[in-house]
N, C-alpha and C. Protein backbone atom coordinates (compact mmCIF):
# COMPACT_ATOMS: atom_id res chain seq x y z
N MET A 1 0.87 -0.89 -0.11
CA MET A 1 0.71 -0.01 -0.10
C MET A 1 0.92 1.09 0.29
N ALA A 2 0.56 2.48 -1.32
CA ALA A 2 1.25 3.60 -1.04
C ALA A 2 1.29 4.39 0.13
N THR A 3 1.69 5.05 0.40
CA THR A 3 1.69 5.98 1.29
C THR A 3 1.70 7.83 0.99
N ASP A 4 0.39 8.49 1.32
CA ASP A 4 0.24 9.33 0.94
C ASP A 4 1.19 10.41 1.25
N PRO A 5 1.91 11.31 0.18
CA PRO A 5 3.11 11.97 0.77
C PRO A 5 2.69 13.08 1.55
N ASP A 6 1.21 13.85 1.52
CA ASP A 6 0.67 14.54 2.66
C ASP A 6 0.37 14.37 4.07
N MET A 7 0.72 12.92 4.29
CA MET A 7 0.26 12.57 5.33
C MET A 7 1.28 12.37 5.95
N THR A 8 2.97 12.16 5.79
CA THR A 8 3.96 12.09 6.18
C THR A 8 5.14 13.13 5.98
N ALA A 9 4.84 14.26 5.24
CA ALA A 9 5.67 15.28 5.45
C ALA A 9 5.26 16.29 5.71
N LEU A 10 5.65 16.83 6.60
CA LEU A 10 5.55 17.77 7.59
C LEU A 10 6.04 18.74 6.90
N PRO A 11 4.85 20.00 7.38
CA PRO A 11 5.15 21.54 6.53
C PRO A 11 6.38 22.28 6.62
N GLU A 12 6.48 22.76 6.14
CA GLU A 12 7.91 23.47 6.26
C GLU A 12 8.52 24.64 6.65
N GLU A 13 6.90 25.34 7.75
CA GLU A 13 7.06 26.19 8.73
C GLU A 13 7.51 25.36 10.30
N GLN A 14 7.40 26.46 11.02
CA GLN A 14 7.62 25.72 12.40
C GLN A 14 6.10 25.61 13.02
N PRO A 15 6.10 24.67 13.92
CA PRO A 15 4.52 24.58 14.48
C PRO A 15 4.20 25.95 15.10
N THR A 16 3.40 25.89 15.23
CA THR A 16 2.57 27.31 15.94
C THR A 16 2.60 26.97 17.38
N ILE A 17 2.42 25.48 18.21
CA ILE A 17 2.44 24.73 19.27
C ILE A 17 3.11 23.80 19.11
N ARG A 18 3.65 23.03 20.41
CA ARG A 18 3.79 21.45 20.51
C ARG A 18 3.80 21.23 21.92
N VAL A 19 2.78 20.01 21.92
CA VAL A 19 2.79 19.67 23.43
C VAL A 19 3.11 17.99 23.35
N THR A 20 2.84 17.34 24.40
CA THR A 20 3.12 16.17 24.53
C THR A 20 1.58 15.84 25.21
N ALA A 21 0.85 14.32 24.09
CA ALA A 21 -0.60 13.98 24.88
C ALA A 21 -0.14 13.35 25.88
N MET A 22 -0.46 13.57 27.14
CA MET A 22 -0.72 13.00 28.07
C MET A 22 -1.20 12.08 28.96
N PRO A 23 -1.57 11.28 29.77
CA PRO A 23 -2.28 10.30 30.37
C PRO A 23 -3.44 10.99 30.52
N ALA A 24 -3.83 11.62 31.41
CA ALA A 24 -5.19 12.59 31.68
C ALA A 24 -6.20 13.14 30.62
N ASP A 25 -5.38 12.96 29.27
CA ASP A 25 -6.20 13.84 27.95
C ASP A 25 -6.72 12.69 26.89
N ALA A 26 -6.70 10.94 27.98
CA ALA A 26 -6.97 10.03 26.91
C ALA A 26 -7.97 9.38 27.27
N ASN A 27 -8.77 7.94 26.81
CA ASN A 27 -9.75 7.51 27.32
C ASN A 27 -8.69 6.16 27.74
N PHE A 28 -9.70 5.00 27.89
CA PHE A 28 -9.49 3.95 28.76
C PHE A 28 -8.22 3.10 27.86
N TYR A 29 -7.99 3.31 26.48
CA TYR A 29 -6.95 2.74 26.10
C TYR A 29 -6.08 3.22 25.17
N GLY A 30 -5.44 4.31 26.09
CA GLY A 30 -4.45 5.20 25.86
C GLY A 30 -5.08 6.17 24.57
N ASP A 31 -5.76 6.50 23.57
CA ASP A 31 -5.80 7.29 22.36
C ASP A 31 -6.27 8.75 23.31
N ILE A 32 -6.33 9.28 22.57
CA ILE A 32 -6.34 10.62 22.37
C ILE A 32 -7.72 11.55 22.79
N PHE A 33 -8.47 12.28 24.06
CA PHE A 33 -9.81 12.67 23.41
C PHE A 33 -10.01 13.31 22.21
N GLY A 34 -10.53 13.48 21.21
CA GLY A 34 -11.01 14.57 20.29
C GLY A 34 -11.23 15.87 20.49
N GLY A 35 -11.70 16.16 21.53
CA GLY A 35 -12.14 17.40 22.25
C GLY A 35 -10.91 18.18 22.96
N TRP A 36 -9.59 17.49 23.27
CA TRP A 36 -8.15 17.77 23.69
C TRP A 36 -7.73 18.36 22.43
N LEU A 37 -7.69 17.22 21.54
CA LEU A 37 -6.86 17.96 20.19
C LEU A 37 -7.67 19.32 19.79
N VAL A 38 -8.86 19.14 19.43
CA VAL A 38 -9.28 20.46 18.43
C VAL A 38 -9.16 21.44 19.67
N GLY A 39 -9.32 21.56 20.96
CA GLY A 39 -8.66 22.43 21.61
C GLY A 39 -7.75 22.93 21.50
N GLN A 40 -6.49 22.51 21.39
CA GLN A 40 -4.70 22.32 20.90
C GLN A 40 -5.29 23.70 19.70
N MET A 41 -5.99 22.87 18.47
CA MET A 41 -5.65 23.67 17.14
C MET A 41 -5.98 24.59 17.61
N ASP A 42 -7.17 24.86 18.33
CA ASP A 42 -8.11 26.27 18.71
C ASP A 42 -7.26 26.95 19.17
N LEU A 43 -6.58 26.92 20.09
CA LEU A 43 -5.36 27.64 20.85
C LEU A 43 -3.96 28.10 19.83
N ALA A 44 -4.00 27.02 18.76
CA ALA A 44 -2.88 27.64 17.68
C ALA A 44 -3.46 28.74 16.84
N ALA A 45 -4.66 27.81 16.59
CA ALA A 45 -5.34 29.18 15.56
C ALA A 45 -5.43 30.64 16.34
N SER A 46 -5.92 30.12 17.30
CA SER A 46 -6.34 31.63 17.92
C SER A 46 -4.71 32.49 18.61
N ALA A 47 -4.00 32.33 18.56
CA ALA A 47 -2.64 32.44 18.63
C ALA A 47 -2.06 33.54 16.91
N LEU A 48 -2.70 32.83 16.04
CA LEU A 48 -2.34 33.42 14.41
C LEU A 48 -3.44 34.73 14.71
N ALA A 49 -4.87 34.24 15.21
CA ALA A 49 -5.71 35.18 14.85
C ALA A 49 -5.16 37.00 15.36
N SER A 50 -5.14 36.49 16.55
CA SER A 50 -4.82 37.51 17.49
C SER A 50 -3.14 38.59 17.02
N ARG A 51 -2.30 37.29 16.59
CA ARG A 51 -0.95 38.37 15.83
C ARG A 51 -1.84 38.69 14.93
N HIS A 52 -2.46 38.10 13.74
CA HIS A 52 -2.45 39.45 12.18
C HIS A 52 -3.63 39.74 12.55
N SER A 53 -4.83 39.87 13.18
CA SER A 53 -5.60 40.88 14.07
C SER A 53 -5.04 42.39 14.97
N ARG A 54 -3.86 42.05 15.58
CA ARG A 54 -3.44 42.95 16.61
C ARG A 54 -4.35 42.74 17.44
N GLY A 55 -4.76 41.91 17.92
CA GLY A 55 -5.81 42.13 18.95
C GLY A 55 -6.73 41.39 19.32
N ARG A 56 -7.69 41.17 19.86
CA ARG A 56 -8.45 40.21 20.68
C ARG A 56 -9.11 39.54 19.06
N ALA A 57 -9.24 38.11 19.48
CA ALA A 57 -9.99 37.63 18.17
C ALA A 57 -10.90 36.54 19.01
N VAL A 58 -12.13 35.57 18.23
CA VAL A 58 -12.99 35.09 18.86
C VAL A 58 -13.17 34.10 17.98
N LEU A 59 -13.23 32.57 18.07
CA LEU A 59 -14.25 31.27 17.42
C LEU A 59 -15.10 32.06 16.81
N ALA A 60 -15.27 31.42 15.77
CA ALA A 60 -16.43 31.93 15.33
C ALA A 60 -17.34 30.43 14.39
N GLY A 61 -16.28 29.72 14.11
CA GLY A 61 -16.54 28.32 13.75
C GLY A 61 -15.59 27.27 13.24
N ILE A 62 -15.73 26.01 13.28
CA ILE A 62 -14.92 24.63 12.64
C ILE A 62 -16.02 24.47 11.55
N GLU A 63 -15.06 24.44 10.35
CA GLU A 63 -15.37 23.34 9.08
C GLU A 63 -14.48 22.38 8.83
N GLY A 64 -14.74 21.05 8.47
CA GLY A 64 -14.42 20.36 7.47
C GLY A 64 -13.00 19.91 8.68
N ILE A 65 -13.70 19.50 9.80
CA ILE A 65 -12.73 19.09 10.43
C ILE A 65 -12.66 17.26 10.15
N SER A 66 -11.32 16.65 9.71
CA SER A 66 -11.25 15.17 9.66
C SER A 66 -10.00 15.02 10.91
N PHE A 67 -10.32 14.02 11.53
CA PHE A 67 -9.54 13.16 12.40
C PHE A 67 -9.13 11.71 11.22
N LEU A 68 -7.80 11.89 11.07
CA LEU A 68 -7.34 10.68 10.49
C LEU A 68 -6.97 10.06 10.90
N ARG A 69 -6.31 10.06 12.20
CA ARG A 69 -5.58 8.78 13.07
C ARG A 69 -5.49 9.10 14.22
N PRO A 70 -5.84 8.43 15.00
CA PRO A 70 -5.40 8.49 16.65
C PRO A 70 -3.84 9.07 17.26
N VAL A 71 -4.15 9.89 18.05
CA VAL A 71 -3.38 10.01 18.99
C VAL A 71 -2.87 9.70 20.03
N ARG A 72 -1.89 8.48 20.34
CA ARG A 72 -1.93 8.45 21.75
C ARG A 72 -1.29 8.79 22.20
N VAL A 73 -1.28 8.61 24.14
CA VAL A 73 -0.19 9.43 25.31
C VAL A 73 1.18 8.82 24.93
N GLY A 74 1.94 10.24 24.91
CA GLY A 74 3.33 10.11 24.75
C GLY A 74 3.45 11.05 23.51
N ASP A 75 2.76 10.45 22.56
CA ASP A 75 2.95 11.58 20.77
C ASP A 75 3.30 12.92 21.55
N GLU A 76 4.23 13.43 20.67
CA GLU A 76 4.58 15.08 20.80
C GLU A 76 3.42 15.32 19.66
N VAL A 77 2.76 16.24 19.48
CA VAL A 77 1.62 16.69 18.96
C VAL A 77 1.55 18.02 18.89
N SER A 78 2.49 18.18 17.05
CA SER A 78 2.75 20.13 16.18
C SER A 78 1.92 20.04 15.83
N ILE A 79 1.09 21.40 15.89
CA ILE A 79 0.07 22.12 15.38
C ILE A 79 0.66 23.46 14.74
N TYR A 80 0.07 23.08 13.51
CA TYR A 80 0.92 23.90 12.24
C TYR A 80 -0.88 25.17 11.97
N ALA A 81 -0.34 26.12 11.77
CA ALA A 81 -1.53 27.03 11.29
C ALA A 81 -1.09 28.19 10.22
N ARG A 82 -2.10 28.42 9.40
CA ARG A 82 -1.75 29.24 8.33
C ARG A 82 -3.11 29.97 8.06
N LEU A 83 -2.83 31.09 7.64
CA LEU A 83 -4.31 32.18 7.42
C LEU A 83 -3.85 31.83 6.13
N VAL A 84 -5.38 31.50 5.51
CA VAL A 84 -5.89 31.24 4.35
C VAL A 84 -6.26 32.67 3.68
N THR A 85 -7.55 33.11 4.27
CA THR A 85 -8.64 34.39 3.96
C THR A 85 -8.60 35.22 4.81
N THR A 86 -8.83 36.18 4.54
CA THR A 86 -9.11 37.11 5.33
C THR A 86 -10.85 38.24 4.45
N GLY A 87 -11.48 37.84 5.65
CA GLY A 87 -12.61 38.89 5.42
C GLY A 87 -12.95 40.11 5.92
N ARG A 88 -13.69 41.24 6.04
CA ARG A 88 -13.70 42.51 6.70
C ARG A 88 -13.43 41.98 8.53
N SER A 89 -14.28 41.27 9.05
CA SER A 89 -13.39 41.35 10.17
C SER A 89 -12.88 39.73 10.51
N SER A 90 -13.04 38.45 9.36
CA SER A 90 -13.03 37.28 10.02
C SER A 90 -11.69 37.17 8.93
N MET A 91 -11.07 35.72 10.03
CA MET A 91 -9.87 34.96 9.55
C MET A 91 -10.20 33.49 9.73
N ARG A 92 -10.13 33.05 7.80
CA ARG A 92 -9.74 31.86 7.60
C ARG A 92 -8.65 30.93 8.42
N ILE A 93 -8.34 29.96 8.92
CA ILE A 93 -6.94 30.20 9.24
C ILE A 93 -7.26 28.46 9.20
N ALA A 94 -6.09 27.99 8.31
CA ALA A 94 -6.14 26.00 8.07
C ALA A 94 -5.15 26.08 9.31
N VAL A 95 -5.65 24.43 9.84
CA VAL A 95 -4.76 23.99 11.04
C VAL A 95 -4.26 22.45 10.56
N GLU A 96 -3.42 21.81 10.84
CA GLU A 96 -3.27 20.56 10.49
C GLU A 96 -2.32 19.75 12.04
N ALA A 97 -3.33 18.80 12.73
CA ALA A 97 -2.60 18.38 13.63
C ALA A 97 -1.09 17.10 13.77
N TRP A 98 -0.11 17.09 13.78
CA TRP A 98 1.15 16.21 13.17
C TRP A 98 1.21 15.33 14.47
N THR A 99 1.63 14.23 14.96
CA THR A 99 2.50 13.63 15.51
C THR A 99 3.65 13.43 15.20
N ARG A 100 4.46 12.88 16.48
CA ARG A 100 6.13 12.28 16.22
C ARG A 100 5.75 11.12 17.09
N GLU A 101 5.67 10.12 17.29
CA GLU A 101 5.93 8.98 18.79
C GLU A 101 7.09 9.34 19.50
N ARG A 102 6.66 8.93 20.63
CA ARG A 102 8.01 9.21 21.73
C ARG A 102 8.97 9.13 20.82
N ASN A 103 9.27 7.73 21.38
CA ASN A 103 11.08 7.14 20.71
C ASN A 103 11.13 7.24 19.55
N GLY A 104 10.53 8.41 18.76
CA GLY A 104 11.41 7.76 17.23
C GLY A 104 10.70 8.78 16.75
N GLU A 105 11.54 8.89 15.37
CA GLU A 105 11.09 9.55 14.82
C GLU A 105 9.82 9.51 13.46
N ALA A 106 9.20 8.95 13.14
CA ALA A 106 8.46 8.84 12.16
C ALA A 106 7.04 9.75 12.87
N VAL A 107 6.58 10.02 11.76
CA VAL A 107 5.47 11.56 11.78
C VAL A 107 4.29 11.18 10.65
N ALA A 108 3.34 11.80 11.26
CA ALA A 108 1.81 11.55 10.99
C ALA A 108 1.13 12.56 10.76
N LYS A 109 -0.24 13.33 9.66
CA LYS A 109 -0.75 14.17 9.75
C LYS A 109 -1.86 13.48 10.70
N VAL A 110 -2.61 14.27 11.84
CA VAL A 110 -3.71 13.19 12.54
C VAL A 110 -4.95 13.74 12.24
N THR A 111 -4.96 15.09 11.88
CA THR A 111 -6.03 16.06 12.45
C THR A 111 -6.10 17.34 11.26
N GLU A 112 -6.52 17.96 11.08
CA GLU A 112 -6.35 18.64 9.94
C GLU A 112 -8.70 19.41 9.46
N ALA A 113 -8.40 21.09 9.88
CA ALA A 113 -9.92 21.87 9.56
C ALA A 113 -9.13 23.05 9.26
N ILE A 114 -10.10 23.41 9.07
CA ILE A 114 -10.36 25.57 8.67
C ILE A 114 -11.17 25.94 9.68
N ILE A 115 -10.53 26.45 10.58
CA ILE A 115 -11.18 27.70 11.80
C ILE A 115 -11.23 28.74 11.22
N THR A 116 -12.79 29.17 11.76
CA THR A 116 -12.64 30.97 11.47
C THR A 116 -12.99 31.30 12.45
N PHE A 117 -11.76 32.67 13.01
CA PHE A 117 -11.79 33.56 14.05
C PHE A 117 -12.71 34.90 13.59
N VAL A 118 -13.30 35.89 14.12
CA VAL A 118 -13.21 37.28 13.80
C VAL A 118 -12.83 37.87 15.63
N ALA A 119 -12.24 39.11 14.68
CA ALA A 119 -11.35 40.07 15.42
C ALA A 119 -12.48 40.91 16.21
N ILE A 120 -12.46 41.46 17.46
CA ILE A 120 -13.30 42.20 17.87
C ILE A 120 -12.79 43.53 18.61
N ASP A 121 -13.55 44.37 19.29
CA ASP A 121 -12.66 45.55 19.68
C ASP A 121 -13.23 44.86 21.28
N GLU A 122 -13.26 45.85 22.12
CA GLU A 122 -13.40 45.62 23.69
C GLU A 122 -14.81 45.69 24.44
N ASP A 123 -15.53 46.01 23.54
CA ASP A 123 -17.67 45.76 23.50
C ASP A 123 -17.40 44.46 22.85
N GLY A 124 -16.72 43.48 22.39
CA GLY A 124 -17.17 42.56 21.86
C GLY A 124 -18.19 42.79 20.48
N GLN A 125 -17.92 43.63 20.14
CA GLN A 125 -18.26 44.45 18.39
C GLN A 125 -17.30 43.49 17.42
N PRO A 126 -17.72 42.94 16.48
CA PRO A 126 -15.95 42.59 15.07
C PRO A 126 -16.02 44.14 14.54
N ARG A 127 -14.06 44.36 14.42
CA ARG A 127 -13.68 45.12 13.80
C ARG A 127 -12.67 44.64 12.52
N GLY A 128 -12.56 45.53 12.03
CA GLY A 128 -11.68 45.18 10.87
C GLY A 128 -10.18 44.67 10.61
N VAL A 129 -9.94 43.47 10.24
CA VAL A 129 -8.81 42.94 10.24
C VAL A 129 -7.82 43.20 8.49
N ALA A 130 -6.57 43.82 8.82
CA ALA A 130 -5.50 43.68 7.36
C ALA A 130 -6.10 42.38 6.45
N ALA A 131 -5.79 42.44 5.42
CA ALA A 131 -5.92 41.48 4.23
C ALA A 131 -4.38 40.65 4.43
N VAL A 132 -5.14 39.39 3.79
CA VAL A 132 -3.49 38.66 3.66
C VAL A 132 -2.69 39.00 2.78
N SER A 133 -1.40 39.31 3.57
CA SER A 133 -0.50 39.62 2.59
C SER A 133 0.19 38.78 2.02
């Protein structure tokens, strides 16, 4: 069986965040909860959204999330976030989660999604953002 190169070739940029999956985040079988992984993806996307918008940004939606492989306790999880498009106040961010085995070098893409954030002002109202450069 051929290996999909998109599943084993890490993105060229540095990860936005990197964390080790711990037992408290797993089910009885040692697989990490999907909600924990989505939370890590949200953290990475929110960091990028706040940097790009130069201020507060909130999660507006998650589209097309795909869980491709399980994450195991001890795996190193790297989250990559890339700004795809901007609207007047919104930012669509492509997010990928990759794992590396604790005691090896094998990597695999485990989850991907598009996450939308909206820049807001101090009153919680949408505010403008710069276009993708």
